Amino acid sequence: MPVAATGTEHAVPQVLDTLSDSTSSTTANDLDLIFLKGIMESPVSAESLEETRLEAVRDNNVELVQDILRELSPFTHRSNTAAELSRILNQPHFQSLLETHDSVASQTCETPPSSPCAFMEPPINSVPVPADAIRMVGIRKVAGEHLGVTFRIENGELVIARILHGGMIDQQGLLHVGDIIKEVNGREVADDPRVLQEMLQEASGGVVLKILPSYQEPHPPRQVFVKCHFDYDPANDNLIPCKEAGLQFSSGDVLQIVNQEDVNWWQARRVEGGSAGLIPSQLLEEKRKAFVKKDVDLSPAANLCTGMVGKKKKKMMYLTTKNADFDRHELLIYEEVAKVPPFRRKTLVLIGAPGVGRRSLKNKLLVSDPQHFGTTIPYTSRKPKAADRENMMYAFTSRSKMDADIKAGRYLEHGEYDGNLYGTKIDSIHEVVEAGRICILDVNPQALKVLRTSEFLPYVVFIKAPEFEVLKAMNRSGIEAGVSKRRTDADLKRTVDESAKIQRVYEHYFDLTIVNDDLEQACRNLKASLEKLKGAQQWVPVGWVF
């Protein structure tokens, strides 16, 4: 019997020869592989394939299976095999497979359809997108509801510029950054993103978009958290591309940054949850604040981190090893933070202007709870006086030794007064901490940049000056009680102004702000805040953790 002209007539004799030469040890699997190898390696006419029409063997398999089930029905109770076959044929997944096969089989394909991969070249290659790549995307929305998407013009087309994390479009996952919007509900879009935004904003119910997809994969949100050090309201920002997409926040808020691809506008959301919104990037906010003239607006209501102005009325007693003056032009916009389990801080740092009662509060804490609080003894190069007792008020040392230790960086802060050196030694801080107590430090604000590290783990408390009239009344009460000296109105005004300046420049370091207008109450509030740290997770600078 002649073999059909399929191009395999030469393969069969070769396979038979191979079978006749095989040894008895050849397994059945080996014979199958040899046969298949012969079939696959035989020459097949390409011309015959081009002329072959792709047709299904049959397109009524659902009816065929129903006939088979009817034939099997009498035998299912007597034959386990028939029962098993009947169970398989009645499976919903198998039925769906047959229905899909019949649907496809009813169509005749002259040539295989184009691969979707052909349309997945990056836009930068400027590969023309075939017309059949257009997709129709349906969404449902309420009139006035923000979709969480912004647009840009690119080569005369309206392109999705960003999709806000957690918004409606992001949750549906039907649109991607880079998709080109062609039509909305059958209407062609103009080349103005604002018109499209308004069109989508007013639409309600079902909205059908015709798009050219970009096939760009969305990026998962990064686990980056920042503490904000300025107030922001998108309604007052003329630079933001879409005010409705902005996220309002206040100084001290913690946000999760979910997208930083745009150099000017980041996407962020609150740690409590909710949709993401646009916030100015670190770079954009630095540029914006760089155009604000420093040392002009000293009002407490100002948002910008301007510096401090005016002549110093007297020489400061203490200077840190890192700075010679206040950090006048430091612009801290966002600070990366991490959330950690409850822990006890090593140091309690009291910051405030002269005359706000820092030392009174410090002494109150030391006397009320000496088991939990301790402090350092300042070092000095002056000669001890008759009334001085070693290791009580001062630790005495030689000037040469103190100079050498200062150069070696062993002092947190130091200064010269009346020809003698004074300073706080870093080792003395560690001694208090190693004894199991929180070390209370009453230091110059400049020392915060040195202290705010994992070495000292500080809890920074700013003691804010009360209003001028309140401060004046406090001074009068202190004089009557014999615990305060009389201070002039100029001195009191200087305290209020200096307090505002310190708060402006160093506020981003503060963990707590209190007003010491009632010593007992201020002490209770401070202790309560420290107690809360023992049972609550804390946001700390990421440098403390990594």
Protein backbone atom coordinates (compact mmCIF):
# COMPACT_ATOMS: atom_id res chain seq x y z
CA MET A 1 0.00 0.00 0.00
CA PRO A 2 1.58 3.32 -1.03
CA VAL A 3 2.39 5.82 1.73
CA ALA A 4 0.71 9.24 1.53
CA ALA A 5 2.96 12.05 0.35
CA THR A 6 3.53 13.65 3.75
CA GLY A 7 7.29 13.66 3.58
CA THR A 8 7.61 10.71 6.00
CA GLU A 9 8.02 7.87 3.50
CA HIS A 10 11.77 7.81 3.98
CA ALA A 11 11.52 7.86 7.76
CA VAL A 12 9.55 4.61 8.21
CA PRO A 13 12.18 2.24 6.66
CA GLN A 14 14.85 3.96 8.74
CA VAL A 15 12.84 3.34 11.89
CA LEU A 16 12.21 -0.30 10.95
CA ASP A 17 15.93 -0.85 10.32
CA THR A 18 16.67 0.62 13.70
CA LEU A 19 14.12 -1.64 15.36
CA SER A 20 15.54 -4.77 13.70
CA ASP A 21 19.08 -3.95 14.88
CA SER A 22 18.12 -3.21 18.47
CA THR A 23 19.12 -5.56 21.24
CA SER A 24 16.74 -7.42 23.44
CA SER A 25 17.66 -5.13 26.34
CA THR A 26 16.05 -2.13 24.66
CA THR A 27 13.04 -1.00 26.66
CA ALA A 28 9.64 -0.05 25.30
CA ASN A 29 10.26 3.60 26.20
CA ASP A 30 13.47 3.58 24.20
CA LEU A 31 11.58 2.22 21.16
CA ASP A 32 8.99 5.00 21.49
CA LEU A 33 11.69 7.66 21.63
CA ILE A 34 13.46 6.21 18.59
CA PHE A 35 10.24 6.20 16.60
CA LEU A 36 9.36 9.77 17.54
CA LYS A 37 12.91 10.90 16.73
CA GLY A 38 12.54 9.49 13.24
CA ILE A 39 9.25 11.25 12.69
CA MET A 40 10.58 14.60 13.93
CA GLU A 41 13.75 14.47 11.86
CA SER A 42 12.03 13.61 8.59
CA PRO A 43 11.86 16.42 5.99
CA VAL A 44 8.47 18.08 5.85
CA SER A 45 7.45 20.19 2.87
CA ALA A 46 7.00 23.79 3.89
CA GLU A 47 4.92 24.41 0.78
CA SER A 48 2.36 21.83 1.87
CA LEU A 49 2.02 23.56 5.26
CA GLU A 50 1.39 26.94 3.66
CA GLU A 51 -1.40 25.43 1.57
CA THR A 52 -2.98 23.69 4.58
CA ARG A 53 -6.03 25.35 6.05
CA LEU A 54 -6.28 25.15 9.84
CA GLU A 55 -9.61 23.42 10.48
CA ALA A 56 -10.96 21.70 13.57
CA VAL A 57 -11.76 17.99 13.40
CA ARG A 58 -15.25 18.70 14.75
CA ASP A 59 -17.05 21.53 16.49
CA ASN A 60 -19.83 19.73 18.34
CA ASN A 61 -17.93 18.07 21.16
CA VAL A 62 -20.44 19.11 23.81
CA GLU A 63 -23.14 17.11 22.01
CA LEU A 64 -20.72 14.22 21.58
CA VAL A 65 -19.99 14.07 25.31
CA GLN A 66 -23.70 14.13 26.11
CA ASP A 67 -24.18 11.13 23.83
CA ILE A 68 -21.31 9.32 25.54
CA LEU A 69 -22.79 10.01 28.98
CA ARG A 70 -26.13 8.58 27.92
CA GLU A 71 -24.40 5.44 26.68
CA LEU A 72 -22.41 5.13 29.92
CA SER A 73 -25.39 5.58 32.23
CA PRO A 74 -26.47 1.88 32.33
CA PHE A 75 -22.93 0.77 33.24
CA THR A 76 -21.94 3.27 35.95
CA HIS A 77 -23.43 1.12 38.75
CA ARG A 78 -21.69 -2.05 37.58
CA SER A 79 -18.31 -0.75 36.40
CA ASN A 80 -15.90 1.42 38.38
CA THR A 81 -14.20 2.45 35.15
CA ALA A 82 -17.47 3.64 33.61
CA ALA A 83 -18.33 5.52 36.81
CA GLU A 84 -14.92 7.22 36.87
CA LEU A 85 -15.23 8.23 33.20
CA SER A 86 -18.70 9.61 33.80
CA ARG A 87 -17.44 11.65 36.76
CA ILE A 88 -14.62 13.17 34.69
CA LEU A 89 -16.90 14.07 31.80
CA ASN A 90 -19.35 15.79 34.17
CA GLN A 91 -16.66 18.00 35.75
CA PRO A 92 -17.51 21.75 35.32
CA HIS A 93 -13.96 22.52 34.20
CA PHE A 94 -14.12 19.81 31.55
CA GLN A 95 -17.50 21.08 30.31
CA SER A 96 -16.10 24.64 30.08
CA LEU A 97 -13.09 23.36 28.15
CA LEU A 98 -15.34 21.67 25.60
CA GLU A 99 -17.53 24.77 25.21
CA THR A 100 -14.45 26.93 24.62
CA HIS A 101 -13.09 24.43 22.11
CA ASP A 102 -16.35 24.37 20.16
CA SER A 103 -16.45 28.17 20.10
CA VAL A 104 -12.93 28.39 18.69
CA ALA A 105 -13.47 25.45 16.34
CA SER A 106 -16.40 27.21 14.69
CA GLN A 107 -13.94 29.84 13.36
CA THR A 108 -11.59 29.29 10.46
CA CYS A 109 -8.10 30.82 10.75
CA GLU A 110 -6.12 31.24 7.54
CA THR A 111 -2.90 32.08 9.45
CA PRO A 112 -2.00 32.05 13.14
CA PRO A 113 -2.82 35.33 14.88
CA SER A 114 0.00 37.75 15.65
CA SER A 115 1.76 37.29 18.98
CA PRO A 116 0.99 39.94 21.61
CA CYS A 117 4.73 40.08 22.27
CA ALA A 118 5.13 41.90 18.97
CA PHE A 119 3.47 44.92 20.55
CA MET A 120 5.58 44.95 23.72
CA GLU A 121 8.60 46.91 22.50
CA PRO A 122 9.45 49.90 24.69
CA PRO A 123 7.96 53.21 23.52
CA ILE A 124 11.45 54.64 23.14
CA ASN A 125 11.96 52.53 20.02
CA SER A 126 9.08 54.35 18.32
CA VAL A 127 7.66 51.06 16.98
CA PRO A 128 4.25 51.74 15.38
CA VAL A 129 1.45 50.03 17.29
CA PRO A 130 -0.91 47.99 15.08
CA ALA A 131 -4.53 49.01 15.08
CA ASP A 132 -5.66 45.65 16.49
CA ALA A 133 -3.68 46.41 19.70
CA ILE A 134 -6.37 48.90 20.79
CA ARG A 135 -8.26 47.79 23.88
CA MET A 136 -11.60 48.86 25.30
CA VAL A 137 -11.58 49.31 29.07
CA GLY A 138 -14.76 49.73 31.07
CA ILE A 139 -14.88 51.29 34.53
CA ARG A 140 -17.68 52.38 36.85
CA LYS A 141 -17.56 55.58 38.86
CA VAL A 142 -19.63 58.17 40.67
CA ALA A 143 -19.82 61.72 39.33
CA GLY A 144 -17.21 63.89 41.02
CA GLU A 145 -15.17 60.92 42.21
CA HIS A 146 -11.44 61.26 41.53
CA LEU A 147 -9.99 58.37 39.53
CA GLY A 148 -6.47 58.76 40.88
CA VAL A 149 -4.78 59.27 37.52
CA THR A 150 -3.04 62.18 35.78
CA PHE A 151 -2.11 62.72 32.13
CA ARG A 152 0.57 64.30 29.98
CA ILE A 153 0.93 65.18 26.28
CA GLU A 154 3.47 63.08 24.41
CA ASN A 155 3.89 63.27 20.62
CA GLY A 156 0.46 64.84 20.30
CA GLU A 157 -1.22 62.05 22.29
CA LEU A 158 -2.76 62.03 25.75
CA VAL A 159 -0.77 59.58 27.84
CA ILE A 160 -1.32 58.38 31.41
CA ALA A 161 1.48 60.07 33.35
CA ARG A 162 0.91 58.48 36.76
CA ILE A 163 -1.55 56.28 38.58
CA LEU A 164 -1.96 57.09 42.26
CA HIS A 165 -1.36 54.11 44.49
CA GLY A 166 -4.55 52.89 46.16
CA GLY A 167 -6.86 54.88 43.88
CA MET A 168 -9.74 53.47 41.84
CA ILE A 169 -7.67 52.89 38.71
CA ASP A 170 -4.84 51.31 40.67
CA GLN A 171 -7.21 48.92 42.43
CA GLN A 172 -8.84 47.84 39.16
CA GLY A 173 -5.48 47.27 37.48
CA LEU A 174 -6.93 47.84 33.98
CA LEU A 175 -4.84 50.89 33.06
CA HIS A 176 -1.09 51.41 33.26
CA VAL A 177 1.34 54.30 33.07
CA GLY A 178 2.12 54.98 29.42
CA ASP A 179 -1.31 53.94 28.05
CA ILE A 180 -2.61 56.34 25.40
CA ILE A 181 -6.22 57.47 25.79
CA LYS A 182 -7.98 57.66 22.42
CA GLU A 183 -11.67 57.93 23.30
CA VAL A 184 -13.97 58.34 26.30
CA ASN A 185 -17.49 56.91 25.82
CA GLY A 186 -17.04 57.06 22.06
CA ARG A 187 -15.86 60.69 22.03
CA GLU A 188 -12.37 61.44 20.85
CA VAL A 189 -10.26 63.22 23.43
CA ALA A 190 -8.59 66.51 22.73
CA ASP A 191 -4.89 67.26 23.23
CA ASP A 192 -5.55 69.03 26.55
CA PRO A 193 -5.26 66.93 29.72
CA ARG A 194 -7.52 69.32 31.60
CA VAL A 195 -10.39 68.66 29.19
CA LEU A 196 -9.99 64.91 29.68
CA GLN A 197 -9.80 65.34 33.45
CA GLU A 198 -13.05 67.32 33.44
CA MET A 199 -14.69 64.80 31.12
CA LEU A 200 -13.81 61.92 33.42
CA GLN A 201 -14.65 63.90 36.56
CA GLU A 202 -18.19 64.61 35.33
CA ALA A 203 -18.80 61.10 34.01
CA SER A 204 -20.87 58.69 36.10
CA GLY A 205 -21.94 55.08 35.84
CA GLY A 206 -20.21 53.11 33.11
CA VAL A 207 -17.22 54.77 31.41
CA VAL A 208 -15.65 53.11 28.37
CA LEU A 209 -12.11 54.11 27.40
CA LYS A 210 -10.44 53.25 24.13
CA ILE A 211 -6.69 52.96 24.78
CA LEU A 212 -3.44 51.94 23.18
CA PRO A 213 -1.82 49.87 25.93
CA SER A 214 1.80 50.35 26.93
CA TYR A 215 2.26 46.88 28.48
CA GLN A 216 4.29 48.41 31.28
CA GLU A 217 4.26 46.42 34.50
CA PRO A 218 3.38 48.42 37.65
CA HIS A 219 6.01 48.63 40.36
CA PRO A 220 5.13 47.40 43.87
CA PRO A 221 5.14 50.13 46.54
CA ARG A 222 8.43 50.61 48.37
CA GLN A 223 8.52 50.32 52.13
CA VAL A 224 9.96 53.81 52.66
CA PHE A 225 8.56 55.97 55.46
CA VAL A 226 9.35 59.63 56.07
CA LYS A 227 8.58 62.13 58.79
CA CYS A 228 7.51 65.48 57.36
CA HIS A 229 9.11 68.65 58.68
CA PHE A 230 6.88 71.24 57.04
CA ASP A 231 3.16 71.85 56.43
CA TYR A 232 1.76 71.28 52.95
CA ASP A 233 -1.61 72.08 51.39
CA PRO A 234 -1.98 71.24 47.67
CA ALA A 235 -4.82 73.76 47.37
CA ASN A 236 -2.24 76.52 47.85
CA ASP A 237 0.39 75.01 45.53
CA ASN A 238 0.50 76.49 42.02
CA LEU A 239 3.10 73.99 40.82
CA ILE A 240 1.22 70.75 41.47
CA PRO A 241 -0.08 69.21 38.20
CA CYS A 242 -3.44 68.28 39.75
CA LYS A 243 -4.61 69.88 43.00
CA GLU A 244 -7.27 67.21 43.54
CA ALA A 245 -4.56 64.54 43.47
CA GLY A 246 -2.47 66.23 46.17
CA LEU A 247 -2.06 64.93 49.71
CA GLN A 248 -2.27 67.45 52.56
CA PHE A 249 -0.07 66.91 55.61
CA SER A 250 1.34 68.71 58.64
CA SER A 251 4.77 68.88 60.18
CA GLY A 252 5.38 65.74 62.22
CA ASP A 253 3.15 63.47 60.11
CA VAL A 254 4.62 60.13 58.98
CA LEU A 255 3.95 59.12 55.36
CA GLN A 256 4.78 56.07 53.27
CA ILE A 257 6.43 56.95 49.96
CA VAL A 258 5.10 54.52 47.35
CA ASN A 259 6.52 56.02 44.16
CA GLN A 260 9.54 58.25 43.51
CA GLU A 261 9.82 57.88 39.73
CA ASP A 262 8.86 61.52 39.12
CA VAL A 263 11.77 63.76 40.06
CA ASN A 264 9.41 66.54 41.23
CA TRP A 265 6.31 64.77 42.53
CA TRP A 266 6.31 61.72 44.79
CA GLN A 267 3.31 59.56 45.58
CA ALA A 268 2.67 59.04 49.27
CA ARG A 269 -0.04 57.79 51.59
CA ARG A 270 -0.67 58.02 55.30
CA VAL A 271 0.56 55.17 57.46
CA GLU A 272 -2.99 54.81 58.81
CA GLY A 273 -4.12 53.79 55.31
CA GLY A 274 -6.04 55.36 52.46
CA SER A 275 -5.26 56.27 48.88
CA ALA A 276 -2.01 57.81 47.78
CA GLY A 277 -1.63 61.42 46.71
CA LEU A 278 1.01 63.70 45.23
CA ILE A 279 3.51 65.51 47.45
CA PRO A 280 6.48 67.67 46.42
CA SER A 281 9.72 65.72 46.23
CA GLN A 282 12.73 66.52 48.39
CA LEU A 283 14.45 68.14 45.40
CA LEU A 284 11.47 70.29 44.42
CA GLU A 285 10.89 71.55 47.95
CA GLU A 286 14.58 72.34 48.41
CA LYS A 287 14.55 74.37 45.19
CA ARG A 288 11.38 76.15 46.23
CA LYS A 289 12.76 77.10 49.65
CA ALA A 290 16.09 78.12 48.15
CA PHE A 291 14.30 81.06 46.52
CA VAL A 292 13.05 82.34 49.88
CA LYS A 293 15.34 84.97 51.34
CA LYS A 294 16.77 83.79 54.65
CA ASP A 295 16.59 85.62 57.95
CA VAL A 296 13.66 87.83 57.01
CA ASP A 297 10.47 86.41 58.49
CA LEU A 298 10.85 85.52 62.14
CA SER A 299 7.15 85.24 62.93
CA PRO A 300 6.19 81.96 64.65
CA ALA A 301 3.57 81.32 61.97
CA ALA A 302 6.08 81.08 59.15
CA ASN A 303 6.37 77.65 57.51
CA LEU A 304 9.82 77.91 55.99
CA CYS A 305 12.99 76.91 57.77
CA THR A 306 14.57 80.32 57.73
CA GLY A 307 17.58 81.03 59.90
CA MET A 308 18.17 83.21 62.92
CA VAL A 309 19.07 86.86 62.75
CA GLY A 310 20.21 89.66 64.96
CA LYS A 311 23.37 90.28 66.91
CA LYS A 312 24.14 87.98 69.81
CA LYS A 313 23.80 89.89 73.06
CA LYS A 314 26.48 87.86 74.80
CA LYS A 315 29.03 85.21 74.10
CA MET A 316 27.64 81.71 74.40
CA MET A 317 29.28 79.70 77.14
CA TYR A 318 29.14 76.30 75.44
CA LEU A 319 30.10 75.39 71.89
CA THR A 320 29.72 71.93 70.39
CA THR A 321 32.60 70.13 68.72
CA LYS A 322 30.71 70.13 65.44
CA ASN A 323 29.34 73.67 65.05
CA ALA A 324 30.40 77.21 65.83
CA ASP A 325 26.93 78.70 65.54
CA PHE A 326 23.33 77.73 64.95
CA ASP A 327 22.64 75.70 61.79
CA ARG A 328 21.15 78.71 60.12
CA HIS A 329 20.45 77.40 56.65
CA GLU A 330 19.70 73.73 57.23
CA LEU A 331 16.62 72.65 55.28
CA LEU A 332 15.28 69.34 56.51
CA ILE A 333 12.26 68.52 54.34
CA TYR A 334 11.67 64.81 54.89
CA GLU A 335 13.44 62.47 57.29
CA GLU A 336 13.42 58.73 56.64
CA VAL A 337 12.15 56.86 59.67
CA ALA A 338 11.44 53.28 60.75
CA LYS A 339 8.91 51.83 63.17
CA VAL A 340 10.43 49.83 66.01
CA PRO A 341 9.06 47.98 69.07
CA PRO A 342 8.87 49.80 72.43
CA PHE A 343 12.22 50.60 74.04
CA ARG A 344 13.63 52.94 76.69
CA ARG A 345 15.65 55.94 75.58
CA LYS A 346 19.17 56.30 76.93
CA THR A 347 19.15 60.06 77.35
CA LEU A 348 16.61 62.80 78.08
CA VAL A 349 17.70 66.05 76.42
CA LEU A 350 16.18 69.31 77.64
CA ILE A 351 16.36 72.19 75.15
CA GLY A 352 15.24 75.77 75.71
CA ALA A 353 16.18 79.41 75.88
CA PRO A 354 17.78 80.85 79.05
CA GLY A 355 15.12 81.61 81.64
CA VAL A 356 12.49 78.98 80.68
CA GLY A 357 13.25 76.72 83.67
CA ARG A 358 15.35 73.91 82.17
CA ARG A 359 17.49 73.46 85.26
CA SER A 360 14.48 73.62 87.58
CA LEU A 361 12.78 70.82 85.64
CA LYS A 362 16.00 68.80 85.52
CA ASN A 363 16.53 69.05 89.27
CA LYS A 364 12.88 68.20 89.92
CA LEU A 365 13.21 64.96 87.94
CA LEU A 366 16.49 64.00 89.64
CA VAL A 367 15.10 64.55 93.14
CA SER A 368 11.72 62.91 92.49
CA ASP A 369 13.09 59.70 90.93
CA PRO A 370 16.83 59.19 91.48
CA GLN A 371 16.53 55.48 90.65
CA HIS A 372 15.53 56.16 87.06
CA PHE A 373 17.22 59.47 86.32
CA GLY A 374 20.83 60.59 86.55
CA THR A 375 23.00 63.32 85.09
CA THR A 376 26.60 64.15 84.29
CA ILE A 377 29.05 66.28 86.24
CA PRO A 378 30.64 69.00 84.08
CA TYR A 379 34.42 69.08 83.77
CA THR A 380 36.42 72.28 84.28
CA SER A 381 40.05 73.34 84.13
CA ARG A 382 39.72 75.96 86.91
CA LYS A 383 41.25 75.40 90.28
CA PRO A 384 38.87 74.09 92.94
CA LYS A 385 37.70 76.58 95.51
CA ALA A 386 37.50 75.98 99.22
CA ALA A 387 33.77 75.31 99.04
CA ASP A 388 34.07 72.88 96.12
CA ARG A 389 33.83 69.20 96.86
CA GLU A 390 35.33 66.77 94.34
CA ASN A 391 32.78 65.06 92.06
CA MET A 392 29.88 67.10 93.42
CA MET A 393 29.48 70.30 91.39
CA TYR A 394 32.43 69.90 89.01
CA ALA A 395 35.02 67.35 88.01
CA PHE A 396 38.36 69.14 88.05
CA THR A 397 41.16 68.46 85.58
CA SER A 398 44.14 70.26 84.09
CA ARG A 399 43.82 72.55 81.11
CA SER A 400 46.39 70.56 79.12
CA LYS A 401 44.44 67.33 79.71
CA MET A 402 41.17 69.01 78.79
CA ASP A 403 42.66 70.55 75.63
CA ALA A 404 43.94 67.12 74.57
CA ASP A 405 40.54 65.49 75.19
CA ILE A 406 38.73 68.23 73.28
CA LYS A 407 40.99 67.71 70.26
CA ALA A 408 40.36 63.95 70.50
CA GLY A 409 36.57 64.55 70.35
CA ARG A 410 35.87 63.28 73.87
CA TYR A 411 33.59 66.21 74.77
CA LEU A 412 29.99 66.62 73.73
CA GLU A 413 30.28 70.38 74.12
CA HIS A 414 32.79 72.77 75.62
CA GLY A 415 33.45 76.47 76.08
CA GLU A 416 35.61 79.00 77.87
CA TYR A 417 34.46 81.30 80.65
CA ASP A 418 36.59 83.71 82.67
CA GLY A 419 39.76 82.10 81.33
CA ASN A 420 38.75 78.54 82.26
CA LEU A 421 37.42 75.65 80.16
CA TYR A 422 34.09 73.95 80.92
CA GLY A 423 32.52 70.99 79.16
CA THR A 424 30.45 67.79 79.19
CA LYS A 425 32.48 64.64 78.63
CA ILE A 426 30.91 61.89 76.49
CA ASP A 427 32.22 59.12 78.75
CA SER A 428 30.30 60.59 81.67
CA ILE A 429 27.04 60.13 79.70
CA HIS A 430 27.82 56.44 79.10
CA GLU A 431 28.58 55.94 82.80
CA VAL A 432 25.08 57.08 83.78
CA VAL A 433 23.43 54.91 81.10
CA GLU A 434 25.48 51.84 82.04
CA ALA A 435 24.31 52.31 85.64
CA GLY A 436 20.75 51.67 84.37
CA ARG A 437 19.45 55.25 84.50
CA ILE A 438 18.27 57.74 81.92
CA CYS A 439 20.86 60.48 81.60
CA ILE A 440 19.31 63.97 81.72
CA LEU A 441 21.24 66.49 79.64
CA ASP A 442 20.71 70.25 79.74
CA VAL A 443 22.67 71.25 76.63
CA ASN A 444 22.93 73.84 73.92
CA PRO A 445 20.73 73.07 70.87
CA GLN A 446 23.85 72.72 68.73
CA ALA A 447 24.64 69.46 70.53
CA LEU A 448 21.53 67.78 69.09
CA LYS A 449 23.28 66.83 65.84
CA VAL A 450 25.82 64.89 67.90
CA LEU A 451 23.32 63.38 70.35
CA ARG A 452 20.62 62.30 67.93
CA THR A 453 22.23 58.96 67.04
CA SER A 454 21.88 55.32 67.99
CA GLU A 455 24.76 55.83 70.45
CA PHE A 456 22.67 58.06 72.73
CA LEU A 457 19.04 57.27 71.67
CA PRO A 458 17.76 60.62 72.99
CA TYR A 459 14.27 61.76 73.86
CA VAL A 460 14.40 65.46 73.03
CA VAL A 461 12.10 67.80 74.97
CA PHE A 462 11.78 71.46 74.02
CA ILE A 463 10.81 73.71 76.91
CA LYS A 464 8.99 76.53 75.17
CA ALA A 465 8.79 79.99 76.69
CA PRO A 466 5.24 81.08 77.62
CA GLU A 467 3.74 84.33 76.41
CA PHE A 468 5.52 87.48 77.58
CA GLU A 469 2.87 88.46 80.13
CA VAL A 470 2.79 84.93 81.58
CA LEU A 471 6.58 84.87 81.82
CA LYS A 472 6.52 88.25 83.54
CA ALA A 473 3.97 87.02 86.09
CA MET A 474 6.06 83.89 86.75
CA ASN A 475 9.13 86.01 87.42
CA ARG A 476 7.15 88.17 89.85
CA SER A 477 5.90 85.08 91.72
CA GLY A 478 9.44 83.68 91.88
CA ILE A 479 10.73 86.92 93.40
CA GLU A 480 8.01 86.86 96.06
CA ALA A 481 8.87 83.25 96.89
CA GLY A 482 12.57 84.08 97.06
CA VAL A 483 13.59 81.58 94.37
CA SER A 484 14.14 83.94 91.41
CA LYS A 485 16.04 87.08 90.63
CA ARG A 486 14.34 90.12 89.18
CA ARG A 487 14.49 90.21 85.38
CA THR A 488 13.85 93.26 83.29
CA ASP A 489 11.23 93.39 80.55
CA ALA A 490 14.07 93.39 78.01
CA ASP A 491 15.45 90.18 79.50
CA LEU A 492 12.04 88.53 79.42
CA LYS A 493 11.42 89.67 75.83
CA ARG A 494 14.83 88.29 74.86
CA THR A 495 13.85 84.89 76.33
CA VAL A 496 10.62 84.79 74.31
CA ASP A 497 12.40 85.75 71.07
CA GLU A 498 15.26 83.32 71.62
CA SER A 499 12.77 80.53 72.32
CA ALA A 500 10.99 81.20 69.03
CA LYS A 501 14.31 81.15 67.15
CA ILE A 502 15.39 77.84 68.68
CA GLN A 503 12.03 76.29 67.87
CA ARG A 504 12.22 77.48 64.27
CA VAL A 505 15.69 76.06 63.58
CA TYR A 506 15.65 72.87 65.66
CA GLU A 507 11.98 71.85 65.79
CA HIS A 508 12.58 68.80 63.58
CA TYR A 509 14.67 67.29 66.40
CA PHE A 510 11.96 67.63 69.10
CA ASP A 511 10.01 64.63 70.38
CA LEU A 512 7.96 66.67 72.83
CA THR A 513 7.22 70.36 73.43
CA ILE A 514 6.03 71.61 76.81
CA VAL A 515 5.58 74.99 78.50
CA ASN A 516 7.07 75.14 81.99
CA ASP A 517 4.54 77.58 83.43
CA ASP A 518 3.75 75.09 86.21
CA LEU A 519 6.76 73.06 87.37
CA GLU A 520 4.74 70.26 88.99
CA GLN A 521 2.47 69.85 85.98
CA ALA A 522 5.37 70.03 83.52
CA CYS A 523 7.19 67.30 85.46
CA ARG A 524 4.09 65.05 85.45
CA ASN A 525 3.56 65.55 81.70
CA LEU A 526 7.17 64.70 80.94
CA LYS A 527 7.11 61.54 83.06
CA ALA A 528 3.83 60.43 81.44
CA SER A 529 5.33 60.85 77.95
CA LEU A 530 8.36 58.76 78.90
CA GLU A 531 6.10 56.09 80.36
CA LYS A 532 4.16 55.81 77.08
CA LEU A 533 7.35 54.92 75.25
CA LYS A 534 7.53 51.64 77.17
CA GLY A 535 4.32 50.30 75.63
CA ALA A 536 4.07 51.85 72.18
CA GLN A 537 5.88 51.30 68.92
CA GLN A 538 8.06 54.27 68.01
CA TRP A 539 9.02 56.03 64.78
CA VAL A 540 12.75 56.69 64.95
CA PRO A 541 15.37 57.89 62.43
CA VAL A 542 16.22 55.02 60.11
CA GLY A 543 19.89 55.47 61.03
CA TRP A 544 19.11 54.18 64.52
CA VAL A 545 18.03 50.84 63.06
CA PHE A 546 20.20 50.24 59.99
